[in-house]
Amino acid sequence: MLTREDCLALCELSEEEVEAIAEHEHIPELLAMEMGQYLCHTPDGEARIERMIIDDIEHARAHGNYAHMAKLVGVLRHFVETHPHH
């Protein structure tokens, strides 16, 4: 049986990136891992993940949740650094 950590390692994303996908799509973390892994292997998938994170940043800003916004900016920065092909 695969553990949560196994699934996270297989999806090629950080835990925070997975959380951003789950937040954006309103889905459980495990489904976000699967979706993220799939998107990382599609032509426009990494750009879609980047857009999800940006949308989450904009949502946090609009609701005055600046601490969450700052965290998501770091998530975006990490994603762009580790997925340069988008």
PDB file of N, CA and C in Angstrom:
ATOM      1  N   MET A   1       0.830  -1.175   0.000  1.00  0.00           N
ATOM      2  CA  MET A   1       0.000   0.000   0.000  1.00  0.00           C
ATOM      3  C   MET A   1       0.881   1.248   0.000  1.00  0.00           C
ATOM      4  N   LEU A   2       0.504   2.221  -0.794  1.00  0.00           N
ATOM      5  CA  LEU A   2       1.250   3.468  -0.837  1.00  0.00           C
ATOM      6  C   LEU A   2       0.840   4.373   0.325  1.00  0.00           C
ATOM      7  N   THR A   3       1.826   5.004   0.910  1.00  0.00           N
ATOM      8  CA  THR A   3       1.547   5.969   1.968  1.00  0.00           C
ATOM      9  C   THR A   3       1.342   7.350   1.347  1.00  0.00           C
ATOM     10  N   ARG A   4       0.895   8.282   2.152  1.00  0.00           N
ATOM     11  CA  ARG A   4       0.736   9.666   1.715  1.00  0.00           C
ATOM     12  C   ARG A   4       2.070  10.199   1.216  1.00  0.00           C
ATOM     13  N   GLU A   5       3.146   9.891   1.935  1.00  0.00           N
ATOM     14  CA  GLU A   5       4.480  10.353   1.554  1.00  0.00           C
ATOM     15  C   GLU A   5       4.917   9.745   0.228  1.00  0.00           C
ATOM     16  N   ASP A   6       4.574   8.483  -0.009  1.00  0.00           N
ATOM     17  CA  ASP A   6       4.880   7.844  -1.292  1.00  0.00           C
ATOM     18  C   ASP A   6       4.182   8.589  -2.432  1.00  0.00           C
ATOM     19  N   CYS A   7       2.916   8.878  -2.236  1.00  0.00           N
ATOM     20  CA  CYS A   7       2.139   9.582  -3.265  1.00  0.00           C
ATOM     21  C   CYS A   7       2.711  10.967  -3.515  1.00  0.00           C
ATOM     22  N   LEU A   8       3.097  11.648  -2.445  1.00  0.00           N
ATOM     23  CA  LEU A   8       3.679  12.982  -2.591  1.00  0.00           C
ATOM     24  C   LEU A   8       4.985  12.913  -3.381  1.00  0.00           C
ATOM     25  N   ALA A   9       5.803  11.931  -3.101  1.00  0.00           N
ATOM     26  CA  ALA A   9       7.074  11.780  -3.814  1.00  0.00           C
ATOM     27  C   ALA A   9       6.845  11.483  -5.298  1.00  0.00           C
ATOM     28  N   LEU A  10       5.806  10.757  -5.610  1.00  0.00           N
ATOM     29  CA  LEU A  10       5.522  10.392  -6.993  1.00  0.00           C
ATOM     30  C   LEU A  10       4.928  11.540  -7.813  1.00  0.00           C
ATOM     31  N   CYS A  11       4.335  12.515  -7.148  1.00  0.00           N
ATOM     32  CA  CYS A  11       3.612  13.549  -7.901  1.00  0.00           C
ATOM     33  C   CYS A  11       4.507  14.675  -8.395  1.00  0.00           C
ATOM     34  N   GLU A  12       5.762  14.717  -7.988  1.00  0.00           N
ATOM     35  CA  GLU A  12       6.749  15.687  -8.485  1.00  0.00           C
ATOM     36  C   GLU A  12       6.459  17.126  -8.063  1.00  0.00           C
ATOM     37  N   LEU A  13       5.697  17.289  -6.996  1.00  0.00           N
ATOM     38  CA  LEU A  13       5.379  18.607  -6.465  1.00  0.00           C
ATOM     39  C   LEU A  13       5.666  18.637  -4.975  1.00  0.00           C
ATOM     40  N   SER A  14       5.857  19.832  -4.459  1.00  0.00           N
ATOM     41  CA  SER A  14       6.041  19.959  -3.012  1.00  0.00           C
ATOM     42  C   SER A  14       4.688  19.844  -2.322  1.00  0.00           C
ATOM     43  N   GLU A  15       4.731  19.615  -1.041  1.00  0.00           N
ATOM     44  CA  GLU A  15       3.503  19.528  -0.253  1.00  0.00           C
ATOM     45  C   GLU A  15       2.699  20.821  -0.370  1.00  0.00           C
ATOM     46  N   GLU A  16       3.383  21.953  -0.343  1.00  0.00           N
ATOM     47  CA  GLU A  16       2.703  23.243  -0.431  1.00  0.00           C
ATOM     48  C   GLU A  16       2.081  23.463  -1.812  1.00  0.00           C
ATOM     49  N   GLU A  17       2.733  22.977  -2.855  1.00  0.00           N
ATOM     50  CA  GLU A  17       2.168  23.089  -4.200  1.00  0.00           C
ATOM     51  C   GLU A  17       0.904  22.248  -4.318  1.00  0.00           C
ATOM     52  N   VAL A  18       0.946  21.059  -3.739  1.00  0.00           N
ATOM     53  CA  VAL A  18      -0.235  20.192  -3.718  1.00  0.00           C
ATOM     54  C   VAL A  18      -1.362  20.873  -2.942  1.00  0.00           C
ATOM     55  N   GLU A  19      -1.036  21.474  -1.810  1.00  0.00           N
ATOM     56  CA  GLU A  19      -2.053  22.174  -1.014  1.00  0.00           C
ATOM     57  C   GLU A  19      -2.684  23.310  -1.810  1.00  0.00           C
ATOM     58  N   ALA A  20      -1.877  24.011  -2.614  1.00  0.00           N
ATOM     59  CA  ALA A  20      -2.407  25.102  -3.433  1.00  0.00           C
ATOM     60  C   ALA A  20      -3.374  24.572  -4.488  1.00  0.00           C
ATOM     61  N   ILE A  21      -3.047  23.443  -5.097  1.00  0.00           N
ATOM     62  CA  ILE A  21      -3.955  22.831  -6.076  1.00  0.00           C
ATOM     63  C   ILE A  21      -5.245  22.412  -5.388  1.00  0.00           C
ATOM     64  N   ALA A  22      -5.125  21.768  -4.239  1.00  0.00           N
ATOM     65  CA  ALA A  22      -6.308  21.326  -3.497  1.00  0.00           C
ATOM     66  C   ALA A  22      -7.188  22.514  -3.121  1.00  0.00           C
ATOM     67  N   GLU A  23      -6.560  23.599  -2.682  1.00  0.00           N
ATOM     68  CA  GLU A  23      -7.302  24.810  -2.323  1.00  0.00           C
ATOM     69  C   GLU A  23      -8.023  25.376  -3.547  1.00  0.00           C
ATOM     70  N   HIS A  24      -7.323  25.490  -4.647  1.00  0.00           N
ATOM     71  CA  HIS A  24      -7.883  26.074  -5.858  1.00  0.00           C
ATOM     72  C   HIS A  24      -9.035  25.244  -6.413  1.00  0.00           C
ATOM     73  N   GLU A  25      -8.858  23.946  -6.438  1.00  0.00           N
ATOM     74  CA  GLU A  25      -9.838  23.052  -7.044  1.00  0.00           C
ATOM     75  C   GLU A  25     -10.890  22.546  -6.059  1.00  0.00           C
ATOM     76  N   HIS A  26     -10.711  22.849  -4.773  1.00  0.00           N
ATOM     77  CA  HIS A  26     -11.644  22.399  -3.726  1.00  0.00           C
ATOM     78  C   HIS A  26     -11.761  20.874  -3.736  1.00  0.00           C
ATOM     79  N   ILE A  27     -10.593  20.233  -3.735  1.00  0.00           N
ATOM     80  CA  ILE A  27     -10.539  18.767  -3.752  1.00  0.00           C
ATOM     81  C   ILE A  27      -9.621  18.289  -2.631  1.00  0.00           C
ATOM     82  N   PRO A  28      -9.764  17.019  -2.230  1.00  0.00           N
ATOM     83  CA  PRO A  28      -8.872  16.468  -1.206  1.00  0.00           C
ATOM     84  C   PRO A  28      -7.420  16.427  -1.686  1.00  0.00           C
ATOM     85  N   GLU A  29      -6.523  16.430  -0.727  1.00  0.00           N
ATOM     86  CA  GLU A  29      -5.092  16.463  -1.022  1.00  0.00           C
ATOM     87  C   GLU A  29      -4.654  15.313  -1.927  1.00  0.00           C
ATOM     88  N   LEU A  30      -5.147  14.120  -1.700  1.00  0.00           N
ATOM     89  CA  LEU A  30      -4.738  12.974  -2.510  1.00  0.00           C
ATOM     90  C   LEU A  30      -5.130  13.162  -3.976  1.00  0.00           C
ATOM     91  N   LEU A  31      -6.309  13.699  -4.225  1.00  0.00           N
ATOM     92  CA  LEU A  31      -6.707  13.976  -5.605  1.00  0.00           C
ATOM     93  C   LEU A  31      -5.858  15.094  -6.204  1.00  0.00           C
ATOM     94  N   ALA A  32      -5.482  16.060  -5.383  1.00  0.00           N
ATOM     95  CA  ALA A  32      -4.611  17.142  -5.859  1.00  0.00           C
ATOM     96  C   ALA A  32      -3.239  16.593  -6.252  1.00  0.00           C
ATOM     97  N   MET A  33      -2.739  15.605  -5.517  1.00  0.00           N
ATOM     98  CA  MET A  33      -1.466  14.975  -5.889  1.00  0.00           C
ATOM     99  C   MET A  33      -1.580  14.316  -7.249  1.00  0.00           C
ATOM    100  N   GLU A  34      -2.664  13.589  -7.443  1.00  0.00           N
ATOM    101  CA  GLU A  34      -2.878  12.896  -8.711  1.00  0.00           C
ATOM    102  C   GLU A  34      -3.033  13.904  -9.857  1.00  0.00           C
ATOM    103  N   MET A  35      -3.815  14.934  -9.619  1.00  0.00           N
ATOM    104  CA  MET A  35      -4.018  15.951 -10.646  1.00  0.00           C
ATOM    105  C   MET A  35      -2.705  16.664 -10.974  1.00  0.00           C
ATOM    106  N   GLY A  36      -1.945  17.015  -9.951  1.00  0.00           N
ATOM    107  CA  GLY A  36      -0.668  17.691 -10.151  1.00  0.00           C
ATOM    108  C   GLY A  36       0.313  16.838 -10.930  1.00  0.00           C
ATOM    109  N   GLN A  37       0.381  15.567 -10.595  1.00  0.00           N
ATOM    110  CA  GLN A  37       1.285  14.658 -11.302  1.00  0.00           C
ATOM    111  C   GLN A  37       0.889  14.569 -12.766  1.00  0.00           C
ATOM    112  N   TYR A  38      -0.397  14.458 -13.017  1.00  0.00           N
ATOM    113  CA  TYR A  38      -0.895  14.408 -14.401  1.00  0.00           C
ATOM    114  C   TYR A  38      -0.539  15.698 -15.142  1.00  0.00           C
ATOM    115  N   LEU A  39      -0.827  16.837 -14.514  1.00  0.00           N
ATOM    116  CA  LEU A  39      -0.587  18.117 -15.169  1.00  0.00           C
ATOM    117  C   LEU A  39       0.888  18.351 -15.478  1.00  0.00           C
ATOM    118  N   CYS A  40       1.766  17.854 -14.628  1.00  0.00           N
ATOM    119  CA  CYS A  40       3.204  18.027 -14.866  1.00  0.00           C
ATOM    120  C   CYS A  40       3.661  17.335 -16.142  1.00  0.00           C
ATOM    121  N   HIS A  41       2.846  16.445 -16.692  1.00  0.00           N
ATOM    122  CA  HIS A  41       3.219  15.690 -17.882  1.00  0.00           C
ATOM    123  C   HIS A  41       2.359  16.031 -19.098  1.00  0.00           C
ATOM    124  N   THR A  42       1.650  17.144 -19.027  1.00  0.00           N
ATOM    125  CA  THR A  42       0.878  17.600 -20.176  1.00  0.00           C
ATOM    126  C   THR A  42       1.516  18.881 -20.705  1.00  0.00           C
ATOM    127  N   PRO A  43       1.301  19.190 -21.980  1.00  0.00           N
ATOM    128  CA  PRO A  43       1.971  20.353 -22.578  1.00  0.00           C
ATOM    129  C   PRO A  43       1.748  21.671 -21.836  1.00  0.00           C
ATOM    130  N   ASP A  44       0.549  21.936 -21.387  1.00  0.00           N
ATOM    131  CA  ASP A  44       0.282  23.204 -20.707  1.00  0.00           C
ATOM    132  C   ASP A  44       0.017  23.039 -19.213  1.00  0.00           C
ATOM    133  N   GLY A  45       0.290  21.863 -18.700  1.00  0.00           N
ATOM    134  CA  GLY A  45      -0.045  21.558 -17.313  1.00  0.00           C
ATOM    135  C   GLY A  45       0.685  22.393 -16.280  1.00  0.00           C
ATOM    136  N   GLU A  46       1.982  22.601 -16.470  1.00  0.00           N
ATOM    137  CA  GLU A  46       2.726  23.389 -15.490  1.00  0.00           C
ATOM    138  C   GLU A  46       2.255  24.840 -15.492  1.00  0.00           C
ATOM    139  N   ALA A  47       1.893  25.353 -16.661  1.00  0.00           N
ATOM    140  CA  ALA A  47       1.336  26.711 -16.724  1.00  0.00           C
ATOM    141  C   ALA A  47      -0.006  26.764 -16.006  1.00  0.00           C
ATOM    142  N   ARG A  48      -0.787  25.705 -16.099  1.00  0.00           N
ATOM    143  CA  ARG A  48      -2.077  25.659 -15.390  1.00  0.00           C
ATOM    144  C   ARG A  48      -1.868  25.639 -13.886  1.00  0.00           C
ATOM    145  N   ILE A  49      -0.873  24.880 -13.418  1.00  0.00           N
ATOM    146  CA  ILE A  49      -0.579  24.853 -11.982  1.00  0.00           C
ATOM    147  C   ILE A  49      -0.134  26.239 -11.525  1.00  0.00           C
ATOM    148  N   GLU A  50       0.729  26.869 -12.290  1.00  0.00           N
ATOM    149  CA  GLU A  50       1.173  28.221 -11.946  1.00  0.00           C
ATOM    150  C   GLU A  50      -0.026  29.165 -11.835  1.00  0.00           C
ATOM    151  N   ARG A  51      -0.950  29.075 -12.778  1.00  0.00           N
ATOM    152  CA  ARG A  51      -2.140  29.926 -12.758  1.00  0.00           C
ATOM    153  C   ARG A  51      -2.996  29.651 -11.520  1.00  0.00           C
ATOM    154  N   MET A  52      -3.092  28.385 -11.123  1.00  0.00           N
ATOM    155  CA  MET A  52      -3.855  28.039  -9.913  1.00  0.00           C
ATOM    156  C   MET A  52      -3.252  28.734  -8.687  1.00  0.00           C
ATOM    157  N   ILE A  53      -1.931  28.682  -8.592  1.00  0.00           N
ATOM    158  CA  ILE A  53      -1.259  29.303  -7.448  1.00  0.00           C
ATOM    159  C   ILE A  53      -1.470  30.815  -7.479  1.00  0.00           C
ATOM    160  N   ILE A  54      -1.365  31.414  -8.649  1.00  0.00           N
ATOM    161  CA  ILE A  54      -1.601  32.858  -8.779  1.00  0.00           C
ATOM    162  C   ILE A  54      -3.045  33.195  -8.389  1.00  0.00           C
ATOM    163  N   ASP A  55      -3.985  32.383  -8.834  1.00  0.00           N
ATOM    164  CA  ASP A  55      -5.387  32.598  -8.451  1.00  0.00           C
ATOM    165  C   ASP A  55      -5.560  32.530  -6.936  1.00  0.00           C
ATOM    166  N   ASP A  56      -4.887  31.562  -6.304  1.00  0.00           N
ATOM    167  CA  ASP A  56      -4.959  31.439  -4.839  1.00  0.00           C
ATOM    168  C   ASP A  56      -4.377  32.676  -4.162  1.00  0.00           C
ATOM    169  N   ILE A  57      -3.286  33.210  -4.712  1.00  0.00           N
ATOM    170  CA  ILE A  57      -2.676  34.431  -4.165  1.00  0.00           C
ATOM    171  C   ILE A  57      -3.669  35.590  -4.266  1.00  0.00           C
ATOM    172  N   GLU A  58      -4.283  35.732  -5.429  1.00  0.00           N
ATOM    173  CA  GLU A  58      -5.242  36.810  -5.630  1.00  0.00           C
ATOM    174  C   GLU A  58      -6.451  36.677  -4.708  1.00  0.00           C
ATOM    175  N   HIS A  59      -6.900  35.462  -4.488  1.00  0.00           N
ATOM    176  CA  HIS A  59      -8.033  35.216  -3.588  1.00  0.00           C
ATOM    177  C   HIS A  59      -7.657  35.589  -2.155  1.00  0.00           C
ATOM    178  N   ALA A  60      -6.479  35.175  -1.730  1.00  0.00           N
ATOM    179  CA  ALA A  60      -6.029  35.504  -0.369  1.00  0.00           C
ATOM    180  C   ALA A  60      -5.914  37.019  -0.196  1.00  0.00           C
ATOM    181  N   ARG A  61      -5.363  37.706  -1.190  1.00  0.00           N
ATOM    182  CA  ARG A  61      -5.229  39.167  -1.127  1.00  0.00           C
ATOM    183  C   ARG A  61      -6.605  39.826  -1.054  1.00  0.00           C
ATOM    184  N   ALA A  62      -7.528  39.366  -1.878  1.00  0.00           N
ATOM    185  CA  ALA A  62      -8.868  39.946  -1.919  1.00  0.00           C
ATOM    186  C   ALA A  62      -9.604  39.794  -0.589  1.00  0.00           C
ATOM    187  N   HIS A  63      -9.257  38.755   0.157  1.00  0.00           N
ATOM    188  CA  HIS A  63      -9.901  38.502   1.446  1.00  0.00           C
ATOM    189  C   HIS A  63      -9.060  38.986   2.621  1.00  0.00           C
ATOM    190  N   GLY A  64      -8.000  39.723   2.337  1.00  0.00           N
ATOM    191  CA  GLY A  64      -7.179  40.297   3.402  1.00  0.00           C
ATOM    192  C   GLY A  64      -6.357  39.291   4.183  1.00  0.00           C
ATOM    193  N   ASN A  65      -6.173  38.096   3.622  1.00  0.00           N
ATOM    194  CA  ASN A  65      -5.391  37.062   4.297  1.00  0.00           C
ATOM    195  C   ASN A  65      -3.938  37.172   3.816  1.00  0.00           C
ATOM    196  N   TYR A  66      -3.252  38.183   4.321  1.00  0.00           N
ATOM    197  CA  TYR A  66      -1.910  38.500   3.829  1.00  0.00           C
ATOM    198  C   TYR A  66      -0.857  37.481   4.236  1.00  0.00           C
ATOM    199  N   ALA A  67      -1.048  36.831   5.365  1.00  0.00           N
ATOM    200  CA  ALA A  67      -0.099  35.783   5.770  1.00  0.00           C
ATOM    201  C   ALA A  67      -0.170  34.611   4.790  1.00  0.00           C
ATOM    202  N   HIS A  68      -1.373  34.220   4.428  1.00  0.00           N
ATOM    203  CA  HIS A  68      -1.541  33.124   3.470  1.00  0.00           C
ATOM    204  C   HIS A  68      -1.035  33.551   2.097  1.00  0.00           C
ATOM    205  N   MET A  69      -1.298  34.799   1.740  1.00  0.00           N
ATOM    206  CA  MET A  69      -0.813  35.327   0.469  1.00  0.00           C
ATOM    207  C   MET A  69       0.716  35.239   0.402  1.00  0.00           C
ATOM    208  N   ALA A  70       1.381  35.644   1.478  1.00  0.00           N
ATOM    209  CA  ALA A  70       2.849  35.605   1.509  1.00  0.00           C
ATOM    210  C   ALA A  70       3.355  34.171   1.377  1.00  0.00           C
ATOM    211  N   LYS A  71       2.680  33.235   2.042  1.00  0.00           N
ATOM    212  CA  LYS A  71       3.073  31.829   1.933  1.00  0.00           C
ATOM    213  C   LYS A  71       2.935  31.355   0.489  1.00  0.00           C
ATOM    214  N   LEU A  72       1.830  31.722  -0.151  1.00  0.00           N
ATOM    215  CA  LEU A  72       1.594  31.297  -1.525  1.00  0.00           C
ATOM    216  C   LEU A  72       2.584  31.928  -2.495  1.00  0.00           C
ATOM    217  N   VAL A  73       3.031  33.136  -2.231  1.00  0.00           N
ATOM    218  CA  VAL A  73       4.064  33.755  -3.068  1.00  0.00           C
ATOM    219  C   VAL A  73       5.333  32.904  -3.009  1.00  0.00           C
ATOM    220  N   GLY A  74       5.670  32.407  -1.828  1.00  0.00           N
ATOM    221  CA  GLY A  74       6.817  31.506  -1.697  1.00  0.00           C
ATOM    222  C   GLY A  74       6.597  30.201  -2.437  1.00  0.00           C
ATOM    223  N   VAL A  75       5.371  29.688  -2.393  1.00  0.00           N
ATOM    224  CA  VAL A  75       5.032  28.463  -3.123  1.00  0.00           C
ATOM    225  C   VAL A  75       5.200  28.697  -4.620  1.00  0.00           C
ATOM    226  N   LEU A  76       4.721  29.825  -5.094  1.00  0.00           N
ATOM    227  CA  LEU A  76       4.849  30.157  -6.517  1.00  0.00           C
ATOM    228  C   LEU A  76       6.321  30.271  -6.908  1.00  0.00           C
ATOM    229  N   ARG A  77       7.095  30.947  -6.096  1.00  0.00           N
ATOM    230  CA  ARG A  77       8.515  31.108  -6.377  1.00  0.00           C
ATOM    231  C   ARG A  77       9.190  29.734  -6.489  1.00  0.00           C
ATOM    232  N   HIS A  78       8.911  28.848  -5.544  1.00  0.00           N
ATOM    233  CA  HIS A  78       9.489  27.502  -5.563  1.00  0.00           C
ATOM    234  C   HIS A  78       9.050  26.744  -6.813  1.00  0.00           C
ATOM    235  N   PHE A  79       7.766  26.841  -7.148  1.00  0.00           N
ATOM    236  CA  PHE A  79       7.260  26.127  -8.321  1.00  0.00           C
ATOM    237  C   PHE A  79       7.969  26.585  -9.591  1.00  0.00           C
ATOM    238  N   VAL A  80       8.097  27.896  -9.767  1.00  0.00           N
ATOM    239  CA  VAL A  80       8.749  28.443 -10.962  1.00  0.00           C
ATOM    240  C   VAL A  80      10.218  28.005 -11.022  1.00  0.00           C
ATOM    241  N   GLU A  81      10.876  27.963  -9.875  1.00  0.00           N
ATOM    242  CA  GLU A  81      12.286  27.543  -9.843  1.00  0.00           C
ATOM    243  C   GLU A  81      12.466  26.070 -10.153  1.00  0.00           C
ATOM    244  N   THR A  82      11.511  25.233  -9.735  1.00  0.00           N
ATOM    245  CA  THR A  82      11.670  23.777  -9.899  1.00  0.00           C
ATOM    246  C   THR A  82      10.970  23.220 -11.126  1.00  0.00           C
ATOM    247  N   HIS A  83      10.172  24.032 -11.791  1.00  0.00           N
ATOM    248  CA  HIS A  83       9.480  23.602 -13.015  1.00  0.00           C
ATOM    249  C   HIS A  83       9.713  24.663 -14.092  1.00  0.00           C
ATOM    250  N   PRO A  84      10.937  24.747 -14.576  1.00  0.00           N
ATOM    251  CA  PRO A  84      11.279  25.823 -15.519  1.00  0.00           C
ATOM    252  C   PRO A  84      10.776  25.622 -16.946  1.00  0.00           C
ATOM    253  N   HIS A  85      10.144  24.517 -17.234  1.00  0.00           N
ATOM    254  CA  HIS A  85       9.762  24.225 -18.623  1.00  0.00           C
ATOM    255  C   HIS A  85       8.411  24.784 -19.027  1.00  0.00           C
ATOM    256  N   HIS A  86       7.726  25.407 -18.112  1.00  0.00           N
ATOM    257  CA  HIS A  86       6.386  25.903 -18.474  1.00  0.00           C
ATOM    258  C   HIS A  86       6.502  27.196 -19.145  1.00  0.00           C
TER     259      HIS A  86
END
